[in-house]
Amino acid sequence: MSNSILIVEDETKLASLLIDYFKLTEYEPFHIDNGNDVIEWVKENNPKAILLDIMLPGKDGIDICKEIRQFSNVPILMVTAKVDEIDRLIGLELGADDYICKPFSPREVVARVKAVLRRTTQMQGAINVSLTLDEYQLIASYHGKDVSLTSVEFQLLKPLVDKPGRIFTREQLMENMYSDNRIVSNRTIDSHIKKLRKKLTKISEDIDFIQSVYGTGYRLILE
């Protein structure tokens, strides 16, 4: 279902309204009203994007987002009635692509989903043309120039390249780098990032691909 939009919302009237609006687009809406049913559905159907309410029966949206990010980079737009900056930061740390605060206009929601999908497609296309990774040789390439990476450096860079523009927390990068769940300090992650940046200057002196996001983590930026 490559053109499907998953709406995870327990308010029936609101979900029905969103479904009606998405039916007027090129996307096919699907609705789930219980958090416990989301993960299995996403794994089986691979939606184009997910509208994910935070407050749900069963598993809440925060836990769902965190689980999805362990196996998928599907764009996620968190829906919440809470508007303070702490909730927005939580969403960013979990890998959400955008936020929508209730009450909202269904037309705006559709527009926001389209904007996220447009941005994601454009950014992935641009980065795939310029910066690529060879997982078999542990090499990063940029316009014909190569640089060799260690296994840890490769695992650190891969999620950033797979999802350019998305902010990854140190904890998320740590989980990707070390599958044995070892305890690693933030200072260790920062040290690896510093070495990785230095290596990447060998293939592009003018671009600092990895951008620090104060108080949160890192993201890959484009030219």
N, C-alpha and C. Protein backbone atom coordinates (compact mmCIF):
# COMPACT_ATOMS: atom_id res chain seq x y z
N MET A 1 0.85 -1.20 0.00
CA MET A 1 0.00 0.00 0.00
C MET A 1 0.88 1.24 0.00
N SER A 2 1.63 1.43 -1.05
CA SER A 2 2.62 2.48 -1.08
C SER A 2 2.02 3.88 -1.08
N ASN A 3 0.72 4.01 -1.36
CA ASN A 3 0.09 5.32 -1.39
C ASN A 3 -0.88 5.51 -0.23
N SER A 4 -0.74 4.69 0.80
CA SER A 4 -1.68 4.75 1.92
C SER A 4 -1.22 5.74 2.99
N ILE A 5 -2.20 6.36 3.63
CA ILE A 5 -1.97 7.24 4.77
C ILE A 5 -2.66 6.60 5.97
N LEU A 6 -1.91 6.30 7.01
CA LEU A 6 -2.49 5.70 8.21
C LEU A 6 -2.88 6.79 9.20
N ILE A 7 -4.15 6.80 9.57
CA ILE A 7 -4.66 7.77 10.56
C ILE A 7 -4.89 7.01 11.86
N VAL A 8 -4.09 7.33 12.87
CA VAL A 8 -4.23 6.69 14.18
C VAL A 8 -4.90 7.68 15.12
N GLU A 9 -6.19 7.50 15.33
CA GLU A 9 -7.00 8.48 16.05
C GLU A 9 -8.18 7.76 16.69
N ASP A 10 -8.41 8.00 18.00
CA ASP A 10 -9.51 7.32 18.68
C ASP A 10 -10.80 8.15 18.71
N GLU A 11 -10.75 9.39 18.25
CA GLU A 11 -11.96 10.20 18.15
C GLU A 11 -12.63 9.88 16.81
N THR A 12 -13.72 9.15 16.83
CA THR A 12 -14.35 8.62 15.62
C THR A 12 -14.75 9.71 14.64
N LYS A 13 -15.39 10.76 15.13
CA LYS A 13 -15.85 11.83 14.23
C LYS A 13 -14.67 12.52 13.56
N LEU A 14 -13.62 12.77 14.32
CA LEU A 14 -12.45 13.43 13.76
C LEU A 14 -11.78 12.54 12.72
N ALA A 15 -11.65 11.26 13.04
CA ALA A 15 -11.05 10.32 12.10
C ALA A 15 -11.85 10.25 10.81
N SER A 16 -13.18 10.20 10.92
CA SER A 16 -14.04 10.13 9.74
C SER A 16 -13.89 11.35 8.86
N LEU A 17 -13.75 12.51 9.51
CA LEU A 17 -13.57 13.76 8.77
C LEU A 17 -12.26 13.75 8.00
N LEU A 18 -11.19 13.29 8.65
CA LEU A 18 -9.89 13.22 7.99
C LEU A 18 -9.92 12.22 6.83
N ILE A 19 -10.59 11.10 7.05
CA ILE A 19 -10.70 10.09 5.99
C ILE A 19 -11.39 10.68 4.76
N ASP A 20 -12.48 11.43 4.99
CA ASP A 20 -13.21 12.04 3.87
C ASP A 20 -12.33 13.00 3.09
N TYR A 21 -11.51 13.77 3.79
CA TYR A 21 -10.65 14.73 3.11
C TYR A 21 -9.54 14.04 2.34
N PHE A 22 -8.96 12.99 2.93
CA PHE A 22 -7.87 12.28 2.24
C PHE A 22 -8.39 11.51 1.02
N LYS A 23 -9.67 11.11 1.05
CA LYS A 23 -10.24 10.42 -0.10
C LYS A 23 -10.32 11.32 -1.33
N LEU A 24 -10.24 12.62 -1.11
CA LEU A 24 -10.28 13.58 -2.21
C LEU A 24 -8.89 13.80 -2.82
N THR A 25 -7.88 13.17 -2.24
CA THR A 25 -6.51 13.29 -2.73
C THR A 25 -6.09 12.00 -3.44
N GLU A 26 -4.81 11.96 -3.82
CA GLU A 26 -4.29 10.75 -4.47
C GLU A 26 -3.94 9.67 -3.46
N TYR A 27 -4.09 9.97 -2.17
CA TYR A 27 -3.72 9.01 -1.14
C TYR A 27 -4.93 8.24 -0.62
N GLU A 28 -4.68 7.01 -0.16
CA GLU A 28 -5.75 6.15 0.34
C GLU A 28 -5.66 6.08 1.87
N PRO A 29 -6.67 6.62 2.58
CA PRO A 29 -6.60 6.64 4.04
C PRO A 29 -7.03 5.32 4.68
N PHE A 30 -6.34 4.98 5.78
CA PHE A 30 -6.71 3.83 6.61
C PHE A 30 -6.75 4.31 8.05
N HIS A 31 -7.64 3.73 8.83
CA HIS A 31 -7.86 4.22 10.19
C HIS A 31 -7.67 3.12 11.22
N ILE A 32 -6.94 3.45 12.29
CA ILE A 32 -6.79 2.58 13.46
C ILE A 32 -7.11 3.40 14.69
N ASP A 33 -7.91 2.86 15.61
CA ASP A 33 -8.32 3.64 16.78
C ASP A 33 -7.71 3.13 18.09
N ASN A 34 -6.88 2.10 18.01
CA ASN A 34 -6.25 1.57 19.23
C ASN A 34 -4.74 1.42 19.00
N GLY A 35 -3.97 1.96 19.92
CA GLY A 35 -2.52 1.95 19.75
C GLY A 35 -1.91 0.57 19.67
N ASN A 36 -2.56 -0.41 20.25
CA ASN A 36 -1.99 -1.77 20.24
C ASN A 36 -1.97 -2.41 18.86
N ASP A 37 -2.75 -1.85 17.92
CA ASP A 37 -2.87 -2.46 16.60
C ASP A 37 -1.96 -1.83 15.55
N VAL A 38 -1.22 -0.78 15.93
CA VAL A 38 -0.51 0.03 14.93
C VAL A 38 0.73 -0.66 14.39
N ILE A 39 1.60 -1.14 15.25
CA ILE A 39 2.91 -1.65 14.83
C ILE A 39 2.78 -2.76 13.80
N GLU A 40 1.94 -3.73 14.08
CA GLU A 40 1.76 -4.86 13.16
C GLU A 40 1.24 -4.38 11.81
N TRP A 41 0.29 -3.42 11.83
CA TRP A 41 -0.28 -2.92 10.58
C TRP A 41 0.79 -2.20 9.75
N VAL A 42 1.60 -1.39 10.41
CA VAL A 42 2.65 -0.65 9.70
C VAL A 42 3.65 -1.60 9.06
N LYS A 43 4.04 -2.64 9.80
CA LYS A 43 4.99 -3.61 9.26
C LYS A 43 4.44 -4.34 8.05
N GLU A 44 3.15 -4.62 8.07
CA GLU A 44 2.54 -5.38 6.98
C GLU A 44 2.20 -4.52 5.76
N ASN A 45 1.94 -3.22 5.98
CA ASN A 45 1.40 -2.40 4.90
C ASN A 45 2.29 -1.27 4.41
N ASN A 46 3.33 -0.93 5.17
CA ASN A 46 4.29 0.08 4.71
C ASN A 46 3.61 1.35 4.18
N PRO A 47 2.93 2.11 5.04
CA PRO A 47 2.21 3.31 4.58
C PRO A 47 3.15 4.41 4.11
N LYS A 48 2.57 5.33 3.36
CA LYS A 48 3.33 6.47 2.84
C LYS A 48 3.64 7.46 3.97
N ALA A 49 2.70 7.62 4.88
CA ALA A 49 2.87 8.52 6.04
C ALA A 49 1.88 8.11 7.12
N ILE A 50 2.16 8.58 8.34
CA ILE A 50 1.31 8.23 9.49
C ILE A 50 0.92 9.50 10.24
N LEU A 51 -0.38 9.67 10.45
CA LEU A 51 -0.89 10.70 11.36
C LEU A 51 -1.10 10.00 12.69
N LEU A 52 -0.34 10.38 13.70
CA LEU A 52 -0.31 9.62 14.95
C LEU A 52 -0.69 10.48 16.15
N ASP A 53 -1.87 10.21 16.69
CA ASP A 53 -2.31 10.92 17.89
C ASP A 53 -1.49 10.43 19.09
N ILE A 54 -1.20 11.31 20.03
CA ILE A 54 -0.41 10.93 21.20
C ILE A 54 -1.26 10.18 22.21
N MET A 55 -2.46 10.72 22.50
CA MET A 55 -3.32 10.10 23.51
C MET A 55 -4.21 9.06 22.84
N LEU A 56 -3.94 7.79 23.12
CA LEU A 56 -4.68 6.69 22.51
C LEU A 56 -4.99 5.61 23.54
N PRO A 57 -6.05 4.84 23.34
CA PRO A 57 -6.24 3.65 24.17
C PRO A 57 -5.18 2.62 23.80
N GLY A 58 -4.81 1.79 24.76
CA GLY A 58 -3.74 0.84 24.50
C GLY A 58 -2.41 1.55 24.56
N LYS A 59 -1.57 1.31 23.59
CA LYS A 59 -0.24 1.93 23.53
C LYS A 59 -0.36 3.38 23.08
N ASP A 60 0.35 4.30 23.75
CA ASP A 60 0.22 5.70 23.37
C ASP A 60 1.13 6.04 22.18
N GLY A 61 0.87 7.22 21.60
CA GLY A 61 1.58 7.62 20.38
C GLY A 61 3.07 7.76 20.55
N ILE A 62 3.52 8.16 21.72
CA ILE A 62 4.96 8.31 21.96
C ILE A 62 5.66 6.97 21.87
N ASP A 63 5.10 5.96 22.53
CA ASP A 63 5.70 4.62 22.46
C ASP A 63 5.63 4.05 21.05
N ILE A 64 4.53 4.30 20.36
CA ILE A 64 4.37 3.81 18.99
C ILE A 64 5.42 4.42 18.08
N CYS A 65 5.61 5.73 18.18
CA CYS A 65 6.59 6.42 17.35
C CYS A 65 7.99 5.86 17.60
N LYS A 66 8.30 5.66 18.85
CA LYS A 66 9.62 5.12 19.20
C LYS A 66 9.83 3.73 18.60
N GLU A 67 8.80 2.88 18.66
CA GLU A 67 8.90 1.53 18.10
C GLU A 67 9.05 1.56 16.58
N ILE A 68 8.26 2.40 15.93
CA ILE A 68 8.32 2.49 14.47
C ILE A 68 9.71 2.91 14.01
N ARG A 69 10.32 3.82 14.74
CA ARG A 69 11.64 4.32 14.34
C ARG A 69 12.73 3.25 14.46
N GLN A 70 12.42 2.15 15.11
CA GLN A 70 13.38 1.06 15.20
C GLN A 70 13.45 0.24 13.91
N PHE A 71 12.41 0.37 13.06
CA PHE A 71 12.42 -0.43 11.83
C PHE A 71 11.99 0.33 10.58
N SER A 72 11.57 1.58 10.71
CA SER A 72 11.06 2.31 9.55
C SER A 72 11.33 3.81 9.64
N ASN A 73 11.55 4.43 8.49
CA ASN A 73 11.71 5.88 8.40
C ASN A 73 10.48 6.55 7.81
N VAL A 74 9.34 5.86 7.83
CA VAL A 74 8.11 6.44 7.31
C VAL A 74 7.84 7.79 7.97
N PRO A 75 7.45 8.81 7.21
CA PRO A 75 7.14 10.11 7.82
C PRO A 75 6.01 9.99 8.84
N ILE A 76 6.23 10.56 10.01
CA ILE A 76 5.24 10.53 11.09
C ILE A 76 4.91 11.95 11.50
N LEU A 77 3.62 12.27 11.51
CA LEU A 77 3.14 13.56 11.98
C LEU A 77 2.38 13.33 13.27
N MET A 78 2.92 13.85 14.37
CA MET A 78 2.30 13.65 15.68
C MET A 78 1.13 14.61 15.84
N VAL A 79 0.01 14.10 16.34
CA VAL A 79 -1.18 14.91 16.58
C VAL A 79 -1.41 14.99 18.08
N THR A 80 -1.54 16.19 18.59
CA THR A 80 -1.65 16.35 20.04
C THR A 80 -2.50 17.55 20.41
N ALA A 81 -3.16 17.48 21.56
CA ALA A 81 -3.89 18.61 22.10
C ALA A 81 -3.00 19.45 23.01
N LYS A 82 -1.78 18.97 23.25
CA LYS A 82 -0.84 19.67 24.12
C LYS A 82 0.09 20.53 23.26
N VAL A 83 0.18 21.78 23.57
CA VAL A 83 0.90 22.70 22.69
C VAL A 83 2.20 23.24 23.27
N ASP A 84 2.56 22.83 24.48
CA ASP A 84 3.78 23.38 25.06
C ASP A 84 5.02 22.79 24.37
N GLU A 85 6.12 23.47 24.50
CA GLU A 85 7.34 23.12 23.78
C GLU A 85 7.95 21.80 24.24
N ILE A 86 7.65 21.38 25.46
CA ILE A 86 8.20 20.10 25.92
C ILE A 86 7.66 18.95 25.08
N ASP A 87 6.36 18.96 24.80
CA ASP A 87 5.77 17.91 23.99
C ASP A 87 6.33 17.94 22.57
N ARG A 88 6.58 19.13 22.05
CA ARG A 88 7.15 19.24 20.72
C ARG A 88 8.56 18.65 20.71
N LEU A 89 9.32 18.92 21.75
CA LEU A 89 10.67 18.39 21.84
C LEU A 89 10.66 16.88 21.95
N ILE A 90 9.73 16.34 22.73
CA ILE A 90 9.62 14.89 22.84
C ILE A 90 9.41 14.27 21.46
N GLY A 91 8.54 14.88 20.68
CA GLY A 91 8.30 14.37 19.35
C GLY A 91 9.53 14.41 18.47
N LEU A 92 10.28 15.50 18.57
CA LEU A 92 11.51 15.61 17.79
C LEU A 92 12.50 14.53 18.20
N GLU A 93 12.64 14.30 19.47
CA GLU A 93 13.60 13.30 19.94
C GLU A 93 13.21 11.89 19.49
N LEU A 94 11.94 11.68 19.29
CA LEU A 94 11.48 10.36 18.86
C LEU A 94 11.58 10.18 17.35
N GLY A 95 11.86 11.26 16.64
CA GLY A 95 11.99 11.15 15.19
C GLY A 95 10.75 11.55 14.42
N ALA A 96 9.84 12.32 15.04
CA ALA A 96 8.66 12.79 14.32
C ALA A 96 9.07 13.82 13.28
N ASP A 97 8.33 13.86 12.17
CA ASP A 97 8.65 14.78 11.08
C ASP A 97 7.91 16.10 11.21
N ASP A 98 6.78 16.11 11.93
CA ASP A 98 6.02 17.34 12.07
C ASP A 98 5.04 17.17 13.22
N TYR A 99 4.38 18.27 13.62
CA TYR A 99 3.40 18.27 14.68
C TYR A 99 2.15 18.97 14.21
N ILE A 100 1.02 18.48 14.65
CA ILE A 100 -0.26 19.12 14.37
C ILE A 100 -1.00 19.21 15.69
N CYS A 101 -1.38 20.41 16.07
CA CYS A 101 -2.05 20.62 17.36
C CYS A 101 -3.56 20.74 17.17
N LYS A 102 -4.30 20.05 18.02
CA LYS A 102 -5.76 20.17 18.03
C LYS A 102 -6.16 21.46 18.75
N PRO A 103 -7.26 22.09 18.31
CA PRO A 103 -8.09 21.75 17.15
C PRO A 103 -7.41 22.18 15.85
N PHE A 104 -7.74 21.51 14.76
CA PHE A 104 -7.12 21.83 13.49
C PHE A 104 -8.13 21.73 12.36
N SER A 105 -7.77 22.27 11.22
CA SER A 105 -8.58 22.16 10.02
C SER A 105 -8.14 20.92 9.25
N PRO A 106 -9.06 20.04 8.89
CA PRO A 106 -8.70 18.85 8.11
C PRO A 106 -7.96 19.22 6.82
N ARG A 107 -8.34 20.33 6.23
CA ARG A 107 -7.67 20.76 5.01
C ARG A 107 -6.20 21.09 5.29
N GLU A 108 -5.94 21.69 6.45
CA GLU A 108 -4.57 21.99 6.83
C GLU A 108 -3.78 20.71 7.07
N VAL A 109 -4.42 19.71 7.68
CA VAL A 109 -3.75 18.44 7.93
C VAL A 109 -3.31 17.79 6.62
N VAL A 110 -4.20 17.76 5.65
CA VAL A 110 -3.87 17.19 4.34
C VAL A 110 -2.70 17.95 3.73
N ALA A 111 -2.74 19.27 3.83
CA ALA A 111 -1.66 20.10 3.27
C ALA A 111 -0.34 19.83 3.97
N ARG A 112 -0.39 19.64 5.28
CA ARG A 112 0.85 19.39 6.04
C ARG A 112 1.43 18.03 5.68
N VAL A 113 0.57 17.03 5.52
CA VAL A 113 1.05 15.70 5.13
C VAL A 113 1.70 15.76 3.75
N LYS A 114 1.07 16.44 2.82
CA LYS A 114 1.63 16.58 1.48
C LYS A 114 2.97 17.29 1.51
N ALA A 115 3.07 18.32 2.37
CA ALA A 115 4.31 19.09 2.47
C ALA A 115 5.45 18.22 3.01
N VAL A 116 5.14 17.41 4.03
CA VAL A 116 6.16 16.51 4.59
C VAL A 116 6.60 15.49 3.56
N LEU A 117 5.66 14.93 2.83
CA LEU A 117 6.00 13.93 1.81
C LEU A 117 6.82 14.56 0.68
N ARG A 118 6.46 15.78 0.31
CA ARG A 118 7.22 16.49 -0.73
C ARG A 118 8.64 16.74 -0.27
N ARG A 119 8.77 17.24 0.95
CA ARG A 119 10.09 17.56 1.50
C ARG A 119 10.95 16.31 1.64
N THR A 120 10.34 15.24 2.13
CA THR A 120 11.07 13.99 2.32
C THR A 120 11.57 13.44 0.99
N THR A 121 10.70 13.44 -0.01
CA THR A 121 11.08 12.93 -1.33
C THR A 121 12.19 13.75 -1.95
N GLN A 122 12.06 15.07 -1.86
CA GLN A 122 13.08 15.96 -2.44
C GLN A 122 14.42 15.79 -1.75
N MET A 123 14.40 15.72 -0.42
CA MET A 123 15.65 15.62 0.33
C MET A 123 16.33 14.28 0.10
N GLN A 124 15.53 13.21 0.08
CA GLN A 124 16.11 11.90 -0.15
C GLN A 124 16.69 11.80 -1.56
N GLY A 125 15.98 12.39 -2.52
CA GLY A 125 16.48 12.36 -3.89
C GLY A 125 17.78 13.11 -4.02
N ALA A 126 17.85 14.29 -3.40
CA ALA A 126 19.05 15.11 -3.50
C ALA A 126 20.24 14.44 -2.84
N ILE A 127 20.02 13.87 -1.65
CA ILE A 127 21.15 13.28 -0.94
C ILE A 127 21.61 12.00 -1.60
N ASN A 128 20.68 11.27 -2.22
CA ASN A 128 21.08 10.05 -2.90
C ASN A 128 21.95 10.33 -4.10
N VAL A 129 21.73 11.48 -4.73
CA VAL A 129 22.54 11.87 -5.87
C VAL A 129 23.94 12.28 -5.41
N SER A 130 24.04 12.95 -4.27
CA SER A 130 25.32 13.52 -3.87
C SER A 130 26.11 12.66 -2.89
N LEU A 131 25.49 12.20 -1.81
CA LEU A 131 26.20 11.45 -0.78
C LEU A 131 25.63 10.04 -0.71
N THR A 132 26.44 9.04 -1.00
CA THR A 132 25.98 7.66 -0.99
C THR A 132 26.88 6.81 -0.09
N LEU A 133 26.33 5.68 0.35
CA LEU A 133 27.06 4.78 1.23
C LEU A 133 27.14 3.39 0.61
N ASP A 134 28.29 2.77 0.75
CA ASP A 134 28.50 1.38 0.32
C ASP A 134 28.70 0.55 1.58
N GLU A 135 27.66 -0.21 1.95
CA GLU A 135 27.73 -0.95 3.22
C GLU A 135 28.67 -2.14 3.18
N TYR A 136 29.00 -2.61 1.98
CA TYR A 136 29.89 -3.76 1.87
C TYR A 136 31.36 -3.36 2.00
N GLN A 137 31.70 -2.18 1.48
CA GLN A 137 33.08 -1.71 1.58
C GLN A 137 33.26 -0.65 2.65
N LEU A 138 32.17 -0.26 3.31
CA LEU A 138 32.21 0.79 4.34
C LEU A 138 32.82 2.07 3.78
N ILE A 139 32.21 2.55 2.71
CA ILE A 139 32.70 3.74 2.01
C ILE A 139 31.58 4.75 1.85
N ALA A 140 31.90 6.02 2.06
CA ALA A 140 31.00 7.13 1.76
C ALA A 140 31.52 7.81 0.50
N SER A 141 30.63 8.10 -0.45
CA SER A 141 31.03 8.70 -1.72
C SER A 141 30.28 10.00 -1.96
N TYR A 142 30.99 10.96 -2.52
CA TYR A 142 30.38 12.25 -2.85
C TYR A 142 30.97 12.74 -4.16
N HIS A 143 30.13 12.76 -5.20
CA HIS A 143 30.55 13.21 -6.53
C HIS A 143 31.85 12.54 -6.98
N GLY A 144 31.92 11.23 -6.82
CA GLY A 144 33.08 10.48 -7.30
C GLY A 144 34.24 10.38 -6.34
N LYS A 145 34.17 11.06 -5.22
CA LYS A 145 35.23 11.00 -4.22
C LYS A 145 34.80 10.07 -3.09
N ASP A 146 35.71 9.20 -2.66
CA ASP A 146 35.40 8.21 -1.63
C ASP A 146 36.20 8.45 -0.36
N VAL A 147 35.62 8.01 0.75
CA VAL A 147 36.34 8.01 2.01
C VAL A 147 35.96 6.73 2.76
N SER A 148 36.94 6.06 3.33
CA SER A 148 36.69 4.83 4.07
C SER A 148 36.26 5.14 5.50
N LEU A 149 35.30 4.35 5.99
CA LEU A 149 34.77 4.53 7.33
C LEU A 149 34.99 3.28 8.17
N THR A 150 35.05 3.46 9.47
CA THR A 150 35.04 2.31 10.35
C THR A 150 33.60 1.79 10.42
N SER A 151 33.42 0.60 10.96
CA SER A 151 32.08 0.04 11.08
C SER A 151 31.18 0.92 11.95
N VAL A 152 31.73 1.44 13.04
CA VAL A 152 30.96 2.30 13.93
C VAL A 152 30.59 3.60 13.23
N GLU A 153 31.53 4.18 12.50
CA GLU A 153 31.26 5.42 11.77
C GLU A 153 30.18 5.21 10.72
N PHE A 154 30.24 4.07 10.05
CA PHE A 154 29.24 3.77 9.02
C PHE A 154 27.85 3.67 9.65
N GLN A 155 27.74 2.93 10.76
CA GLN A 155 26.45 2.77 11.43
C GLN A 155 25.94 4.09 11.99
N LEU A 156 26.84 4.98 12.34
CA LEU A 156 26.46 6.30 12.84
C LEU A 156 25.93 7.17 11.70
N LEU A 157 26.56 7.08 10.54
CA LEU A 157 26.18 7.93 9.41
C LEU A 157 24.94 7.44 8.68
N LYS A 158 24.73 6.13 8.66
CA LYS A 158 23.66 5.55 7.84
C LYS A 158 22.27 6.11 8.13
N PRO A 159 21.80 6.17 9.39
CA PRO A 159 20.45 6.72 9.61
C PRO A 159 20.35 8.18 9.22
N LEU A 160 21.44 8.93 9.36
CA LEU A 160 21.42 10.34 8.97
C LEU A 160 21.25 10.48 7.46
N VAL A 161 21.92 9.61 6.70
CA VAL A 161 21.82 9.64 5.25
C VAL A 161 20.47 9.12 4.79
N ASP A 162 19.98 8.08 5.46
CA ASP A 162 18.68 7.51 5.09
C ASP A 162 17.54 8.51 5.29
N LYS A 163 17.69 9.38 6.26
CA LYS A 163 16.62 10.34 6.58
C LYS A 163 17.21 11.74 6.73
N PRO A 164 17.67 12.34 5.63
CA PRO A 164 18.28 13.67 5.71
C PRO A 164 17.30 14.71 6.23
N GLY A 165 17.79 15.60 7.07
CA GLY A 165 16.95 16.65 7.64
C GLY A 165 16.31 16.27 8.95
N ARG A 166 16.16 14.99 9.22
CA ARG A 166 15.55 14.56 10.48
C ARG A 166 16.57 14.64 11.60
N ILE A 167 16.12 15.11 12.75
CA ILE A 167 16.98 15.19 13.92
C ILE A 167 16.99 13.84 14.63
N PHE A 168 18.20 13.33 14.88
CA PHE A 168 18.37 12.10 15.65
C PHE A 168 19.02 12.44 16.98
N THR A 169 18.47 11.94 18.05
CA THR A 169 19.08 12.16 19.36
C THR A 169 20.33 11.28 19.47
N ARG A 170 21.16 11.59 20.43
CA ARG A 170 22.34 10.76 20.67
C ARG A 170 21.94 9.34 21.03
N GLU A 171 20.83 9.22 21.77
CA GLU A 171 20.37 7.89 22.18
C GLU A 171 19.97 7.06 20.96
N GLN A 172 19.28 7.67 20.01
CA GLN A 172 18.89 6.95 18.80
C GLN A 172 20.11 6.51 18.00
N LEU A 173 21.08 7.39 17.86
CA LEU A 173 22.30 7.06 17.13
C LEU A 173 23.08 5.96 17.85
N MET A 174 23.06 6.04 19.16
CA MET A 174 23.76 5.05 19.97
C MET A 174 23.17 3.66 19.77
N GLU A 175 21.84 3.59 19.75
CA GLU A 175 21.16 2.30 19.56
C GLU A 175 21.49 1.71 18.19
N ASN A 176 21.63 2.57 17.21
CA ASN A 176 21.94 2.09 15.86
C ASN A 176 23.39 1.62 15.74
N MET A 177 24.27 2.27 16.47
CA MET A 177 25.70 1.95 16.40
C MET A 177 26.05 0.67 17.14
N TYR A 178 25.42 0.47 18.29
CA TYR A 178 25.78 -0.65 19.15
C TYR A 178 24.56 -1.53 19.40
N SER A 179 24.49 -2.66 18.72
CA SER A 179 23.35 -3.56 18.84
C SER A 179 23.35 -4.35 20.14
N ASP A 180 24.47 -4.32 20.87
CA ASP A 180 24.56 -5.10 22.12
C ASP A 180 24.11 -4.32 23.35
N ASN A 181 23.49 -3.13 23.09
CA ASN A 181 22.93 -2.30 24.17
C ASN A 181 23.96 -1.90 25.22
N ARG A 182 25.20 -1.76 24.81
CA ARG A 182 26.22 -1.33 25.77
C ARG A 182 25.96 0.12 26.20
N ILE A 183 26.48 0.48 27.34
CA ILE A 183 26.31 1.83 27.85
C ILE A 183 27.41 2.72 27.28
N VAL A 184 27.01 3.74 26.55
CA VAL A 184 27.96 4.66 25.93
C VAL A 184 27.54 6.08 26.27
N SER A 185 28.49 6.91 26.65
CA SER A 185 28.17 8.28 27.05
C SER A 185 27.94 9.17 25.84
N ASN A 186 27.25 10.28 26.07
CA ASN A 186 27.04 11.27 25.01
C ASN A 186 28.37 11.78 24.48
N ARG A 187 29.36 11.86 25.34
CA ARG A 187 30.67 12.35 24.94
C ARG A 187 31.30 11.42 23.90
N THR A 188 31.04 10.11 24.03
CA THR A 188 31.55 9.15 23.05
C THR A 188 30.92 9.39 21.69
N ILE A 189 29.61 9.60 21.65
CA ILE A 189 28.91 9.88 20.40
C ILE A 189 29.48 11.15 19.76
N ASP A 190 29.65 12.18 20.57
CA ASP A 190 30.18 13.44 20.05
C ASP A 190 31.59 13.26 19.49
N SER A 191 32.38 12.40 20.12
CA SER A 191 33.73 12.13 19.65
C SER A 191 33.70 11.44 18.29
N HIS A 192 32.79 10.47 18.12
CA HIS A 192 32.65 9.79 16.83
C HIS A 192 32.18 10.77 15.75
N ILE A 193 31.28 11.64 16.11
CA ILE A 193 30.78 12.64 15.15
C ILE A 193 31.92 13.54 14.69
N LYS A 194 32.75 13.96 15.64
CA LYS A 194 33.88 14.83 15.32
C LYS A 194 34.82 14.16 14.32
N LYS A 195 35.13 12.88 14.55
CA LYS A 195 36.01 12.14 13.65
C LYS A 195 35.36 11.95 12.28
N LEU A 196 34.05 11.69 12.30
CA LEU A 196 33.32 11.48 11.05
C LEU A 196 33.29 12.76 10.23
N ARG A 197 33.06 13.88 10.88
CA ARG A 197 33.08 15.16 10.17
C ARG A 197 34.43 15.42 9.51
N LYS A 198 35.48 15.11 10.24
CA LYS A 198 36.83 15.31 9.71
C LYS A 198 37.06 14.46 8.47
N LYS A 199 36.58 13.22 8.50
CA LYS A 199 36.73 12.34 7.34
C LYS A 199 35.94 12.87 6.14
N LEU A 200 34.74 13.35 6.40
CA LEU A 200 33.88 13.81 5.31
C LEU A 200 34.43 15.06 4.62
N THR A 201 35.28 15.82 5.31
CA THR A 201 35.89 16.98 4.66
C THR A 201 36.84 16.56 3.54
N LYS A 202 37.26 15.30 3.56
CA LYS A 202 38.16 14.81 2.50
C LYS A 202 37.43 14.67 1.17
N ILE A 203 36.11 14.50 1.22
CA ILE A 203 35.35 14.39 -0.02
C ILE A 203 34.56 15.66 -0.33
N SER A 204 34.48 16.57 0.63
CA SER A 204 33.84 17.86 0.38
C SER A 204 34.26 18.85 1.45
N GLU A 205 35.18 19.74 1.08
CA GLU A 205 35.67 20.73 2.05
C GLU A 205 34.66 21.84 2.31
N ASP A 206 33.73 22.04 1.36
CA ASP A 206 32.81 23.18 1.46
C ASP A 206 31.52 22.87 2.21
N ILE A 207 31.24 21.58 2.44
CA ILE A 207 29.96 21.21 3.05
C ILE A 207 30.19 20.50 4.37
N ASP A 208 29.57 21.01 5.41
CA ASP A 208 29.57 20.32 6.70
C ASP A 208 28.26 19.54 6.78
N PHE A 209 28.31 18.28 6.34
CA PHE A 209 27.08 17.50 6.20
C PHE A 209 26.33 17.32 7.51
N ILE A 210 27.06 17.12 8.60
CA ILE A 210 26.41 16.80 9.87
C ILE A 210 26.27 18.07 10.72
N GLN A 211 25.03 18.42 10.99
CA GLN A 211 24.72 19.64 11.75
C GLN A 211 24.32 19.29 13.18
N SER A 212 24.90 19.99 14.15
CA SER A 212 24.51 19.81 15.54
C SER A 212 23.23 20.59 15.82
N VAL A 213 22.33 19.97 16.58
CA VAL A 213 21.10 20.63 17.00
C VAL A 213 21.18 20.77 18.51
N TYR A 214 21.33 21.97 18.99
CA TYR A 214 21.61 22.23 20.40
C TYR A 214 20.60 21.55 21.33
N GLY A 215 21.12 20.78 22.26
CA GLY A 215 20.30 20.15 23.28
C GLY A 215 19.55 18.91 22.83
N THR A 216 19.72 18.54 21.54
CA THR A 216 18.95 17.40 21.04
C THR A 216 19.83 16.34 20.41
N GLY A 217 20.55 16.68 19.35
CA GLY A 217 21.35 15.67 18.67
C GLY A 217 21.94 16.17 17.37
N TYR A 218 21.76 15.40 16.30
CA TYR A 218 22.40 15.73 15.01
C TYR A 218 21.45 15.44 13.86
N ARG A 219 21.70 16.10 12.73
CA ARG A 219 20.97 15.80 11.51
C ARG A 219 21.88 16.05 10.31
N LEU A 220 21.55 15.42 9.21
CA LEU A 220 22.31 15.59 7.98
C LEU A 220 21.65 16.69 7.16
N ILE A 221 22.43 17.62 6.70
CA ILE A 221 21.90 18.71 5.87
C ILE A 221 22.42 18.57 4.46
N LEU A 222 21.69 19.17 3.52
CA LEU A 222 22.03 19.07 2.12
C LEU A 222 22.79 20.30 1.66
N GLU A 223 23.21 20.24 0.40
CA GLU A 223 23.93 21.38 -0.17
C GLU A 223 23.02 22.59 -0.20
